[in-house]
């Protein structure tokens, strides 16, 4: 289905198709049972699973690479950024630089892996008396050649600080969270210095849009050279410039036109990714994204030799204390908490 403003339509699968400057986007939605004393899953729920590689939805959830606590035990990255948006649930992060953190329920972690990094991302089941829902996106944003050589670092966008636009049209509400970029004069928080999104001329936008039934919202005009994709991941139908789109579809849109979204009869949720492409070759193998195959080979050799700083924790899947709040503890001992700054 093509119109002057909709130039591609694709059914969503487990890993959503993206375009430069993005590498991939993965959407996770799991309903975990009550947690054990160790914030893991009771053994009765683990029977029949391919633990360590559990990506099939069973009983409402997946363990991913976790064996007792769901999630992703220690693994390496190099050459790109992860933007992790946790809509519901809890994520515990530990890394090869000695940093740890817990973030949850609307927070965003912006991680530049740069020249090499190891971390774990676990989903502790902090609730012992009821379900532990998880809903999140992880977006891989590429780095240019210079960025791929930078030191790894990350920062938290606490939910209290993320800019939000609330739009009303005919009494119906649309809420837009601006993770990256600018909409109607409202700018996102600042990404890391090496990020492709740091330069405003790259027009990188990451927007989460939630619309009430019958609501209308207009995506403003961007540039004619940007890639712009809309992911309609929850709801019934929306109309884009009069064309009806069902949920669970990706729409590739032109960048240099306004796009009017009219929601259908159910609440709808939409992710928009846009930005100028990084006009450099891409060579990817698993968690490494470089410019050439030779650089990929060199990255494997480097990782085998250095482990990107090694692993400072006593297990591959560490978690914080059940009662820990949202925080970051940096390698130098500084602690940052929402609204409290860094101590």
C-alpha atoms as a PDB file:
ATOM      1  CA  UNK A   1       0.000   0.000   0.000  1.00  0.00           C
ATOM      2  CA  UNK A   2       1.752   3.161  -1.186  1.00  0.00           C
ATOM      3  CA  UNK A   3       0.680   6.800  -1.103  1.00  0.00           C
ATOM      4  CA  UNK A   4       2.729   9.965  -1.590  1.00  0.00           C
ATOM      5  CA  UNK A   5       3.438   9.924   2.165  1.00  0.00           C
ATOM      6  CA  UNK A   6       3.450   6.182   2.978  1.00  0.00           C
ATOM      7  CA  UNK A   7       6.216   4.533   0.965  1.00  0.00           C
ATOM      8  CA  UNK A   8       6.377   1.131   2.643  1.00  0.00           C
ATOM      9  CA  UNK A   9       4.281  -1.159   4.850  1.00  0.00           C
ATOM     10  CA  UNK A  10       5.498  -4.277   6.668  1.00  0.00           C
ATOM     11  CA  UNK A  11       4.045  -6.661   9.260  1.00  0.00           C
ATOM     12  CA  UNK A  12       5.989  -6.556  12.532  1.00  0.00           C
ATOM     13  CA  UNK A  13       7.818  -9.662  13.698  1.00  0.00           C
ATOM     14  CA  UNK A  14      10.028 -10.359  16.731  1.00  0.00           C
ATOM     15  CA  UNK A  15      12.785  -7.987  15.616  1.00  0.00           C
ATOM     16  CA  UNK A  16      11.560  -4.951  13.743  1.00  0.00           C
ATOM     17  CA  UNK A  17      13.149  -3.770  10.513  1.00  0.00           C
ATOM     18  CA  UNK A  18      14.955  -0.441  10.770  1.00  0.00           C
ATOM     19  CA  UNK A  19      16.947   1.885   8.538  1.00  0.00           C
ATOM     20  CA  UNK A  20      20.148   3.863   9.085  1.00  0.00           C
ATOM     21  CA  UNK A  21      21.075   5.399  11.460  1.00  0.00           C
ATOM     22  CA  UNK A  22      19.331   2.589  13.394  1.00  0.00           C
ATOM     23  CA  UNK A  23      20.517  -1.028  13.397  1.00  0.00           C
ATOM     24  CA  UNK A  24      17.564  -2.786  15.048  1.00  0.00           C
ATOM     25  CA  UNK A  25      14.717  -2.425  17.507  1.00  0.00           C
ATOM     26  CA  UNK A  26      13.393  -5.226  19.696  1.00  0.00           C
ATOM     27  CA  UNK A  27      10.139  -5.103  21.643  1.00  0.00           C
ATOM     28  CA  UNK A  28       9.780  -7.305  24.724  1.00  0.00           C
ATOM     29  CA  UNK A  29       6.482  -7.905  26.510  1.00  0.00           C
ATOM     30  CA  UNK A  30       6.337 -10.601  29.193  1.00  0.00           C
ATOM     31  CA  UNK A  31       4.103 -11.362  32.157  1.00  0.00           C
ATOM     32  CA  UNK A  32       6.370 -12.985  34.735  1.00  0.00           C
ATOM     33  CA  UNK A  33       4.985 -14.826  37.785  1.00  0.00           C
ATOM     34  CA  UNK A  34       5.740 -13.858  41.396  1.00  0.00           C
ATOM     35  CA  UNK A  35       9.453 -13.939  42.147  1.00  0.00           C
ATOM     36  CA  UNK A  36      11.436 -16.227  44.420  1.00  0.00           C
ATOM     37  CA  UNK A  37      13.649 -15.113  47.300  1.00  0.00           C
ATOM     38  CA  UNK A  38      16.408 -14.698  44.708  1.00  0.00           C
ATOM     39  CA  UNK A  39      14.170 -12.580  42.399  1.00  0.00           C
ATOM     40  CA  UNK A  40      14.013 -15.436  39.933  1.00  0.00           C
ATOM     41  CA  UNK A  41      11.375 -17.759  38.506  1.00  0.00           C
ATOM     42  CA  UNK A  42      10.142 -20.776  40.476  1.00  0.00           C
ATOM     43  CA  UNK A  43      11.367 -24.126  39.138  1.00  0.00           C
ATOM     44  CA  UNK A  44       7.840 -25.281  38.248  1.00  0.00           C
ATOM     45  CA  UNK A  45       7.704 -22.554  35.581  1.00  0.00           C
ATOM     46  CA  UNK A  46      11.059 -23.558  34.077  1.00  0.00           C
ATOM     47  CA  UNK A  47      10.134 -27.079  33.005  1.00  0.00           C
ATOM     48  CA  UNK A  48      10.175 -27.644  29.254  1.00  0.00           C
ATOM     49  CA  UNK A  49      12.163 -24.527  28.470  1.00  0.00           C
ATOM     50  CA  UNK A  50      15.415 -24.311  26.528  1.00  0.00           C
ATOM     51  CA  UNK A  51      17.143 -22.434  29.343  1.00  0.00           C
ATOM     52  CA  UNK A  52      19.891 -20.167  28.100  1.00  0.00           C
ATOM     53  CA  UNK A  53      18.120 -19.749  24.740  1.00  0.00           C
ATOM     54  CA  UNK A  54      14.479 -19.349  25.750  1.00  0.00           C
ATOM     55  CA  UNK A  55      12.900 -16.981  23.225  1.00  0.00           C
ATOM     56  CA  UNK A  56       9.546 -18.731  22.713  1.00  0.00           C
ATOM     57  CA  UNK A  57       6.605 -17.295  24.608  1.00  0.00           C
ATOM     58  CA  UNK A  58       5.387 -19.924  27.091  1.00  0.00           C
ATOM     59  CA  UNK A  59       2.999 -19.297  29.989  1.00  0.00           C
ATOM     60  CA  UNK A  60       3.117 -15.624  29.048  1.00  0.00           C
ATOM     61  CA  UNK A  61       6.882 -15.055  29.294  1.00  0.00           C
ATOM     62  CA  UNK A  62      10.381 -15.900  28.064  1.00  0.00           C
ATOM     63  CA  UNK A  63      13.611 -16.366  30.021  1.00  0.00           C
ATOM     64  CA  UNK A  64      15.813 -15.136  27.126  1.00  0.00           C
ATOM     65  CA  UNK A  65      19.415 -16.056  28.067  1.00  0.00           C
ATOM     66  CA  UNK A  66      18.649 -16.205  31.796  1.00  0.00           C
ATOM     67  CA  UNK A  67      18.416 -19.507  33.656  1.00  0.00           C
ATOM     68  CA  UNK A  68      16.874 -18.456  36.989  1.00  0.00           C
ATOM     69  CA  UNK A  69      16.454 -14.685  36.638  1.00  0.00           C
ATOM     70  CA  UNK A  70      15.174 -13.754  33.161  1.00  0.00           C
ATOM     71  CA  UNK A  71      17.248 -11.458  30.988  1.00  0.00           C
ATOM     72  CA  UNK A  72      20.640 -11.229  29.346  1.00  0.00           C
ATOM     73  CA  UNK A  73      23.692 -12.272  31.421  1.00  0.00           C
ATOM     74  CA  UNK A  74      27.098 -10.786  30.657  1.00  0.00           C
ATOM     75  CA  UNK A  75      27.715 -10.193  26.940  1.00  0.00           C
ATOM     76  CA  UNK A  76      29.899  -7.847  24.854  1.00  0.00           C
ATOM     77  CA  UNK A  77      29.093  -4.957  22.508  1.00  0.00           C
ATOM     78  CA  UNK A  78      31.134  -2.711  20.279  1.00  0.00           C
ATOM     79  CA  UNK A  79      30.517   0.008  17.716  1.00  0.00           C
ATOM     80  CA  UNK A  80      26.961   1.218  18.382  1.00  0.00           C
ATOM     81  CA  UNK A  81      24.568   2.478  21.059  1.00  0.00           C
ATOM     82  CA  UNK A  82      21.713   0.843  22.916  1.00  0.00           C
ATOM     83  CA  UNK A  83      18.747   2.979  23.902  1.00  0.00           C
ATOM     84  CA  UNK A  84      16.745   0.886  26.361  1.00  0.00           C
ATOM     85  CA  UNK A  85      13.239   2.123  27.186  1.00  0.00           C
ATOM     86  CA  UNK A  86      11.605   0.280  30.074  1.00  0.00           C
ATOM     87  CA  UNK A  87       7.848   0.893  29.996  1.00  0.00           C
ATOM     88  CA  UNK A  88       6.961  -1.586  32.757  1.00  0.00           C
ATOM     89  CA  UNK A  89       9.140  -3.668  35.038  1.00  0.00           C
ATOM     90  CA  UNK A  90      12.685  -3.494  36.366  1.00  0.00           C
ATOM     91  CA  UNK A  91      16.135  -3.819  34.760  1.00  0.00           C
ATOM     92  CA  UNK A  92      19.377  -4.392  36.667  1.00  0.00           C
ATOM     93  CA  UNK A  93      22.536  -3.337  34.800  1.00  0.00           C
ATOM     94  CA  UNK A  94      26.114  -4.349  35.681  1.00  0.00           C
ATOM     95  CA  UNK A  95      29.157  -3.736  33.477  1.00  0.00           C
ATOM     96  CA  UNK A  96      32.852  -4.302  32.871  1.00  0.00           C
ATOM     97  CA  UNK A  97      33.775  -0.862  34.214  1.00  0.00           C
ATOM     98  CA  UNK A  98      32.385  -1.710  37.665  1.00  0.00           C
ATOM     99  CA  UNK A  99      29.186   0.300  37.344  1.00  0.00           C
ATOM    100  CA  UNK A 100      25.759  -0.958  38.389  1.00  0.00           C
ATOM    101  CA  UNK A 101      22.262   0.445  38.290  1.00  0.00           C
ATOM    102  CA  UNK A 102      18.554  -0.292  38.557  1.00  0.00           C
ATOM    103  CA  UNK A 103      15.990   1.454  36.399  1.00  0.00           C
ATOM    104  CA  UNK A 104      12.268   0.876  35.949  1.00  0.00           C
ATOM    105  CA  UNK A 105       8.805   1.942  34.808  1.00  0.00           C
ATOM    106  CA  UNK A 106       9.434   4.686  32.253  1.00  0.00           C
ATOM    107  CA  UNK A 107      13.192   5.229  32.618  1.00  0.00           C
ATOM    108  CA  UNK A 108      15.592   5.142  29.666  1.00  0.00           C
ATOM    109  CA  UNK A 109      19.237   4.058  29.585  1.00  0.00           C
ATOM    110  CA  UNK A 110      21.386   5.567  26.808  1.00  0.00           C
ATOM    111  CA  UNK A 111      24.523   3.450  26.410  1.00  0.00           C
ATOM    112  CA  UNK A 112      27.409   4.173  24.031  1.00  0.00           C
ATOM    113  CA  UNK A 113      29.388   0.950  23.661  1.00  0.00           C
ATOM    114  CA  UNK A 114      32.093   2.656  21.579  1.00  0.00           C
ATOM    115  CA  UNK A 115      35.353   0.704  21.418  1.00  0.00           C
ATOM    116  CA  UNK A 116      34.185  -2.204  23.536  1.00  0.00           C
ATOM    117  CA  UNK A 117      32.120  -3.042  26.583  1.00  0.00           C
ATOM    118  CA  UNK A 118      30.580  -5.892  28.550  1.00  0.00           C
ATOM    119  CA  UNK A 119      27.354  -5.660  30.509  1.00  0.00           C
ATOM    120  CA  UNK A 120      24.453  -7.687  31.827  1.00  0.00           C
ATOM    121  CA  UNK A 121      20.772  -6.773  31.647  1.00  0.00           C
ATOM    122  CA  UNK A 122      18.629  -8.814  34.001  1.00  0.00           C
ATOM    123  CA  UNK A 123      14.907  -8.545  34.770  1.00  0.00           C
ATOM    124  CA  UNK A 124      14.603  -9.228  38.520  1.00  0.00           C
ATOM    125  CA  UNK A 125      11.194 -10.342  39.747  1.00  0.00           C
ATOM    126  CA  UNK A 126      10.965  -7.941  42.670  1.00  0.00           C
ATOM    127  CA  UNK A 127       7.319  -8.691  43.471  1.00  0.00           C
ATOM    128  CA  UNK A 128       6.920 -11.864  45.550  1.00  0.00           C
ATOM    129  CA  UNK A 129       3.155 -11.577  45.969  1.00  0.00           C
ATOM    130  CA  UNK A 130       1.942 -10.918  42.446  1.00  0.00           C
ATOM    131  CA  UNK A 131       2.917 -10.842  38.771  1.00  0.00           C
ATOM    132  CA  UNK A 132       5.977  -9.045  37.459  1.00  0.00           C
ATOM    133  CA  UNK A 133       5.052  -7.511  34.091  1.00  0.00           C
ATOM    134  CA  UNK A 134       7.842  -6.417  31.732  1.00  0.00           C
ATOM    135  CA  UNK A 135       7.472  -4.207  28.673  1.00  0.00           C
ATOM    136  CA  UNK A 136      10.466  -2.600  27.008  1.00  0.00           C
ATOM    137  CA  UNK A 137      12.207  -1.561  23.813  1.00  0.00           C
ATOM    138  CA  UNK A 138      15.867  -1.884  23.021  1.00  0.00           C
ATOM    139  CA  UNK A 139      16.917   0.266  20.094  1.00  0.00           C
ATOM    140  CA  UNK A 140      20.336  -0.118  18.493  1.00  0.00           C
ATOM    141  CA  UNK A 141      21.575   3.199  17.097  1.00  0.00           C
ATOM    142  CA  UNK A 142      24.716   3.045  14.981  1.00  0.00           C
ATOM    143  CA  UNK A 143      27.847   5.114  15.579  1.00  0.00           C
ATOM    144  CA  UNK A 144      29.945   6.685  12.857  1.00  0.00           C
ATOM    145  CA  UNK A 145      33.612   5.739  12.450  1.00  0.00           C
ATOM    146  CA  UNK A 146      34.775   8.276  15.006  1.00  0.00           C
ATOM    147  CA  UNK A 147      32.134   7.211  17.511  1.00  0.00           C
ATOM    148  CA  UNK A 148      33.150   3.569  17.231  1.00  0.00           C
ATOM    149  CA  UNK A 149      36.534   4.485  18.720  1.00  0.00           C
ATOM    150  CA  UNK A 150      35.190   6.398  21.727  1.00  0.00           C
ATOM    151  CA  UNK A 151      35.294   5.260  25.344  1.00  0.00           C
ATOM    152  CA  UNK A 152      32.116   3.461  26.465  1.00  0.00           C
ATOM    153  CA  UNK A 153      29.742   5.365  28.716  1.00  0.00           C
ATOM    154  CA  UNK A 154      26.083   5.584  29.616  1.00  0.00           C
ATOM    155  CA  UNK A 155      23.608   7.913  31.224  1.00  0.00           C
ATOM    156  CA  UNK A 156      20.118   7.586  32.630  1.00  0.00           C
ATOM    157  CA  UNK A 157      17.087   9.509  31.456  1.00  0.00           C
ATOM    158  CA  UNK A 158      14.932   9.212  34.562  1.00  0.00           C
ATOM    159  CA  UNK A 159      11.220   9.211  33.787  1.00  0.00           C
ATOM    160  CA  UNK A 160      10.683  12.358  35.836  1.00  0.00           C
ATOM    161  CA  UNK A 161      13.011  14.285  33.492  1.00  0.00           C
ATOM    162  CA  UNK A 162      11.904  13.018  30.056  1.00  0.00           C
ATOM    163  CA  UNK A 163      10.100  15.789  28.115  1.00  0.00           C
ATOM    164  CA  UNK A 164       6.451  15.100  27.337  1.00  0.00           C
ATOM    165  CA  UNK A 165       4.022  16.776  24.959  1.00  0.00           C
ATOM    166  CA  UNK A 166       0.313  16.521  25.787  1.00  0.00           C
ATOM    167  CA  UNK A 167      -1.877  17.375  22.808  1.00  0.00           C
ATOM    168  CA  UNK A 168      -5.674  17.780  22.874  1.00  0.00           C
ATOM    169  CA  UNK A 169      -7.835  17.748  19.742  1.00  0.00           C
ATOM    170  CA  UNK A 170     -11.632  17.673  19.947  1.00  0.00           C
ATOM    171  CA  UNK A 171     -11.319  16.641  23.585  1.00  0.00           C
ATOM    172  CA  UNK A 172      -9.151  13.603  22.779  1.00  0.00           C
ATOM    173  CA  UNK A 173      -5.633  13.351  24.196  1.00  0.00           C
ATOM    174  CA  UNK A 174      -2.287  12.348  22.709  1.00  0.00           C
ATOM    175  CA  UNK A 175       0.823  12.027  24.905  1.00  0.00           C
ATOM    176  CA  UNK A 176       4.264  12.025  23.277  1.00  0.00           C
ATOM    177  CA  UNK A 177       7.466  11.188  25.160  1.00  0.00           C
ATOM    178  CA  UNK A 178      10.506  12.697  23.474  1.00  0.00           C
ATOM    179  CA  UNK A 179      13.379  10.268  24.004  1.00  0.00           C
ATOM    180  CA  UNK A 180      15.559  11.842  21.298  1.00  0.00           C
ATOM    181  CA  UNK A 181      15.111  14.810  19.016  1.00  0.00           C
ATOM    182  CA  UNK A 182      12.736  17.766  18.993  1.00  0.00           C
ATOM    183  CA  UNK A 183       9.002  18.196  18.481  1.00  0.00           C
ATOM    184  CA  UNK A 184       7.168  21.522  18.391  1.00  0.00           C
ATOM    185  CA  UNK A 185      10.054  23.318  20.073  1.00  0.00           C
ATOM    186  CA  UNK A 186      10.437  20.760  22.886  1.00  0.00           C
ATOM    187  CA  UNK A 187      13.887  19.147  22.957  1.00  0.00           C
ATOM    188  CA  UNK A 188      14.918  15.790  24.390  1.00  0.00           C
ATOM    189  CA  UNK A 189      17.527  15.308  27.068  1.00  0.00           C
ATOM    190  CA  UNK A 190      21.101  15.319  25.757  1.00  0.00           C
ATOM    191  CA  UNK A 191      22.483  12.008  24.462  1.00  0.00           C
ATOM    192  CA  UNK A 192      26.100  11.005  25.021  1.00  0.00           C
ATOM    193  CA  UNK A 193      28.757  13.138  23.268  1.00  0.00           C
ATOM    194  CA  UNK A 194      29.758  10.520  20.672  1.00  0.00           C
ATOM    195  CA  UNK A 195      26.185   9.765  19.641  1.00  0.00           C
ATOM    196  CA  UNK A 196      24.968  10.380  16.085  1.00  0.00           C
ATOM    197  CA  UNK A 197      21.964  11.970  17.819  1.00  0.00           C
ATOM    198  CA  UNK A 198      24.149  14.600  19.492  1.00  0.00           C
ATOM    199  CA  UNK A 199      24.355  16.687  16.298  1.00  0.00           C
ATOM    200  CA  UNK A 200      20.947  18.334  15.760  1.00  0.00           C
ATOM    201  CA  UNK A 201      21.612  18.365  11.996  1.00  0.00           C
ATOM    202  CA  UNK A 202      21.278  14.568  12.043  1.00  0.00           C
ATOM    203  CA  UNK A 203      17.583  14.934  12.990  1.00  0.00           C
ATOM    204  CA  UNK A 204      17.547  11.783  15.124  1.00  0.00           C
ATOM    205  CA  UNK A 205      14.135  11.315  16.682  1.00  0.00           C
ATOM    206  CA  UNK A 206      12.828   8.639  19.034  1.00  0.00           C
ATOM    207  CA  UNK A 207       9.230   9.320  20.043  1.00  0.00           C
ATOM    208  CA  UNK A 208       6.698   7.255  22.004  1.00  0.00           C
ATOM    209  CA  UNK A 209       3.126   8.228  21.176  1.00  0.00           C
ATOM    210  CA  UNK A 210       0.056   7.143  23.159  1.00  0.00           C
ATOM    211  CA  UNK A 211      -3.340   8.138  21.739  1.00  0.00           C
ATOM    212  CA  UNK A 212      -6.844   8.003  23.163  1.00  0.00           C
ATOM    213  CA  UNK A 213      -9.635   6.686  20.929  1.00  0.00           C
ATOM    214  CA  UNK A 214     -10.433   9.299  18.288  1.00  0.00           C
ATOM    215  CA  UNK A 215      -7.342  11.391  19.030  1.00  0.00           C
ATOM    216  CA  UNK A 216      -5.444  13.197  16.276  1.00  0.00           C
ATOM    217  CA  UNK A 217      -1.751  14.092  16.161  1.00  0.00           C
ATOM    218  CA  UNK A 218       0.413  15.600  13.426  1.00  0.00           C
ATOM    219  CA  UNK A 219       4.031  14.553  12.963  1.00  0.00           C
ATOM    220  CA  UNK A 220       5.793  17.723  11.792  1.00  0.00           C
ATOM    221  CA  UNK A 221       7.743  18.025   8.577  1.00  0.00           C
ATOM    222  CA  UNK A 222      11.363  16.873   8.748  1.00  0.00           C
ATOM    223  CA  UNK A 223      13.980  16.648   6.007  1.00  0.00           C
ATOM    224  CA  UNK A 224      13.813  15.055   2.581  1.00  0.00           C
ATOM    225  CA  UNK A 225      16.903  12.948   3.265  1.00  0.00           C
ATOM    226  CA  UNK A 226      15.951  11.433   6.625  1.00  0.00           C
ATOM    227  CA  UNK A 227      14.657   7.905   7.157  1.00  0.00           C
ATOM    228  CA  UNK A 228      11.362   7.942   9.081  1.00  0.00           C
ATOM    229  CA  UNK A 229       9.565   4.828  10.333  1.00  0.00           C
ATOM    230  CA  UNK A 230       6.383   4.497  12.363  1.00  0.00           C
ATOM    231  CA  UNK A 231       5.772   1.293  14.364  1.00  0.00           C
ATOM    232  CA  UNK A 232       2.125   0.804  15.353  1.00  0.00           C
ATOM    233  CA  UNK A 233       2.558  -1.835  18.040  1.00  0.00           C
ATOM    234  CA  UNK A 234      -0.572  -1.637  20.200  1.00  0.00           C
ATOM    235  CA  UNK A 235      -4.179  -0.829  19.397  1.00  0.00           C
ATOM    236  CA  UNK A 236      -6.719  -1.643  16.685  1.00  0.00           C
ATOM    237  CA  UNK A 237      -6.430   0.765  13.757  1.00  0.00           C
ATOM    238  CA  UNK A 238      -5.089   4.206  12.953  1.00  0.00           C
ATOM    239  CA  UNK A 239      -5.440   6.357   9.865  1.00  0.00           C
ATOM    240  CA  UNK A 240      -2.396   7.928   8.254  1.00  0.00           C
ATOM    241  CA  UNK A 241      -3.457  10.636   5.829  1.00  0.00           C
ATOM    242  CA  UNK A 242      -6.757   8.809   5.352  1.00  0.00           C
ATOM    243  CA  UNK A 243      -5.229   5.333   4.903  1.00  0.00           C
ATOM    244  CA  UNK A 244      -6.335   2.753   7.503  1.00  0.00           C
ATOM    245  CA  UNK A 245      -3.456   0.844   9.115  1.00  0.00           C
ATOM    246  CA  UNK A 246      -3.936  -2.176  11.389  1.00  0.00           C
ATOM    247  CA  UNK A 247      -1.825  -2.670  14.510  1.00  0.00           C
ATOM    248  CA  UNK A 248       1.486  -4.560  14.388  1.00  0.00           C
ATOM    249  CA  UNK A 249       2.665  -2.829  11.249  1.00  0.00           C
ATOM    250  CA  UNK A 250       5.685  -0.736  10.347  1.00  0.00           C
ATOM    251  CA  UNK A 251       5.069   2.209   8.024  1.00  0.00           C
ATOM    252  CA  UNK A 252       7.939   3.850   6.180  1.00  0.00           C
ATOM    253  CA  UNK A 253       7.041   7.512   5.772  1.00  0.00           C
ATOM    254  CA  UNK A 254       8.416  10.407   3.811  1.00  0.00           C
ATOM    255  CA  UNK A 255      10.456  12.785   5.936  1.00  0.00           C
ATOM    256  CA  UNK A 256       9.671  16.153   4.388  1.00  0.00           C
ATOM    257  CA  UNK A 257       5.892  16.166   4.834  1.00  0.00           C
ATOM    258  CA  UNK A 258       3.545  16.533   7.782  1.00  0.00           C
ATOM    259  CA  UNK A 259       1.860  13.239   8.657  1.00  0.00           C
ATOM    260  CA  UNK A 260      -1.586  13.308  10.294  1.00  0.00           C
ATOM    261  CA  UNK A 261      -2.400  10.336  12.555  1.00  0.00           C
ATOM    262  CA  UNK A 262      -6.058   9.763  13.482  1.00  0.00           C
ATOM    263  CA  UNK A 263      -6.595   7.027  16.053  1.00  0.00           C
ATOM    264  CA  UNK A 264      -9.340   4.406  15.840  1.00  0.00           C
ATOM    265  CA  UNK A 265     -11.657   3.141  18.563  1.00  0.00           C
ATOM    266  CA  UNK A 266      -9.032   1.795  20.991  1.00  0.00           C
ATOM    267  CA  UNK A 267      -6.073   3.277  22.834  1.00  0.00           C
ATOM    268  CA  UNK A 268      -3.045   3.110  20.540  1.00  0.00           C
ATOM    269  CA  UNK A 269       0.705   3.082  21.091  1.00  0.00           C
ATOM    270  CA  UNK A 270       3.234   4.060  18.437  1.00  0.00           C
ATOM    271  CA  UNK A 271       7.023   4.269  18.235  1.00  0.00           C
ATOM    272  CA  UNK A 272       8.638   6.605  15.718  1.00  0.00           C
ATOM    273  CA  UNK A 273      12.305   6.326  14.711  1.00  0.00           C
ATOM    274  CA  UNK A 274      13.782   8.893  12.339  1.00  0.00           C
ATOM    275  CA  UNK A 275      17.136  10.367  11.418  1.00  0.00           C
ATOM    276  CA  UNK A 276      19.634  11.145   8.725  1.00  0.00           C
ATOM    277  CA  UNK A 277      21.439   8.001   7.549  1.00  0.00           C
ATOM    278  CA  UNK A 278      25.077   7.394   8.430  1.00  0.00           C
ATOM    279  CA  UNK A 279      26.532   7.101   4.949  1.00  0.00           C
ATOM    280  CA  UNK A 280      29.217   4.596   5.856  1.00  0.00           C
ATOM    281  CA  UNK A 281      29.457   0.847   5.198  1.00  0.00           C
ATOM    282  CA  UNK A 282      28.078  -1.449   7.898  1.00  0.00           C
ATOM    283  CA  UNK A 283      29.601  -4.787   8.890  1.00  0.00           C
ATOM    284  CA  UNK A 284      27.748  -6.583  11.680  1.00  0.00           C
ATOM    285  CA  UNK A 285      28.296  -9.861  13.411  1.00  0.00           C
ATOM    286  CA  UNK A 286      26.078 -10.402  16.450  1.00  0.00           C
ATOM    287  CA  UNK A 287      26.887  -7.784  19.101  1.00  0.00           C
ATOM    288  CA  UNK A 288      29.586  -6.041  17.053  1.00  0.00           C
ATOM    289  CA  UNK A 289      28.829  -3.344  14.461  1.00  0.00           C
ATOM    290  CA  UNK A 290      31.790  -1.995  12.515  1.00  0.00           C
ATOM    291  CA  UNK A 291      32.496  -0.649   9.022  1.00  0.00           C
ATOM    292  CA  UNK A 292      34.374  -3.594   7.453  1.00  0.00           C
ATOM    293  CA  UNK A 293      34.689  -7.359   7.812  1.00  0.00           C
ATOM    294  CA  UNK A 294      38.345  -6.905   8.730  1.00  0.00           C
ATOM    295  CA  UNK A 295      37.320  -4.698  11.657  1.00  0.00           C
ATOM    296  CA  UNK A 296      34.892  -7.413  12.772  1.00  0.00           C
ATOM    297  CA  UNK A 297      37.706  -9.998  12.718  1.00  0.00           C
ATOM    298  CA  UNK A 298      39.926  -7.610  14.691  1.00  0.00           C
ATOM    299  CA  UNK A 299      37.139  -7.005  17.188  1.00  0.00           C
ATOM    300  CA  UNK A 300      36.804 -10.736  17.874  1.00  0.00           C
ATOM    301  CA  UNK A 301      40.550 -10.995  18.358  1.00  0.00           C
ATOM    302  CA  UNK A 302      40.546  -8.018  20.706  1.00  0.00           C
ATOM    303  CA  UNK A 303      37.625  -9.374  22.726  1.00  0.00           C
ATOM    304  CA  UNK A 304      39.249 -12.791  23.071  1.00  0.00           C
ATOM    305  CA  UNK A 305      42.411 -11.110  24.359  1.00  0.00           C
ATOM    306  CA  UNK A 306      41.035  -8.362  26.630  1.00  0.00           C
ATOM    307  CA  UNK A 307      37.385  -9.233  27.310  1.00  0.00           C
ATOM    308  CA  UNK A 308      36.874  -5.461  27.042  1.00  0.00           C
ATOM    309  CA  UNK A 309      38.025  -4.940  30.605  1.00  0.00           C
ATOM    310  CA  UNK A 310      36.960  -8.276  32.026  1.00  0.00           C
ATOM    311  CA  UNK A 311      34.124  -8.964  34.437  1.00  0.00           C
ATOM    312  CA  UNK A 312      34.267  -7.656  38.012  1.00  0.00           C
ATOM    313  CA  UNK A 313      31.217  -9.451  39.393  1.00  0.00           C
ATOM    314  CA  UNK A 314      30.923 -12.883  41.016  1.00  0.00           C
ATOM    315  CA  UNK A 315      28.242 -14.184  38.647  1.00  0.00           C
ATOM    316  CA  UNK A 316      27.284 -13.626  35.001  1.00  0.00           C
ATOM    317  CA  UNK A 317      23.741 -12.526  35.913  1.00  0.00           C
ATOM    318  CA  UNK A 318      24.020 -10.279  38.993  1.00  0.00           C
ATOM    319  CA  UNK A 319      21.006  -8.478  40.425  1.00  0.00           C
ATOM    320  CA  UNK A 320      20.612  -5.755  43.010  1.00  0.00           C
ATOM    321  CA  UNK A 321      18.894  -6.166  46.367  1.00  0.00           C
ATOM    322  CA  UNK A 322      15.152  -6.666  46.065  1.00  0.00           C
ATOM    323  CA  UNK A 323      14.449  -3.436  47.938  1.00  0.00           C
ATOM    324  CA  UNK A 324      16.918  -1.313  45.984  1.00  0.00           C
ATOM    325  CA  UNK A 325      15.432   1.814  44.485  1.00  0.00           C
ATOM    326  CA  UNK A 326      16.286   3.293  41.106  1.00  0.00           C
ATOM    327  CA  UNK A 327      19.935   4.361  41.082  1.00  0.00           C
ATOM    328  CA  UNK A 328      23.273   4.399  39.302  1.00  0.00           C
ATOM    329  CA  UNK A 329      26.546   3.581  41.040  1.00  0.00           C
ATOM    330  CA  UNK A 330      29.504   4.673  38.933  1.00  0.00           C
ATOM    331  CA  UNK A 331      32.953   3.012  38.953  1.00  0.00           C
ATOM    332  CA  UNK A 332      34.363   5.818  41.125  1.00  0.00           C
ATOM    333  CA  UNK A 333      31.686   5.229  43.774  1.00  0.00           C
ATOM    334  CA  UNK A 334      29.423   8.162  42.886  1.00  0.00           C
ATOM    335  CA  UNK A 335      25.713   7.401  43.249  1.00  0.00           C
ATOM    336  CA  UNK A 336      22.967   9.035  41.207  1.00  0.00           C
ATOM    337  CA  UNK A 337      19.283   8.757  42.035  1.00  0.00           C
ATOM    338  CA  UNK A 338      16.212  10.231  40.338  1.00  0.00           C
ATOM    339  CA  UNK A 339      15.768  13.854  41.297  1.00  0.00           C
ATOM    340  CA  UNK A 340      18.747  13.813  43.653  1.00  0.00           C
ATOM    341  CA  UNK A 341      21.634  14.321  41.235  1.00  0.00           C
ATOM    342  CA  UNK A 342      25.019  12.671  41.723  1.00  0.00           C
ATOM    343  CA  UNK A 343      26.562  12.261  45.177  1.00  0.00           C
END
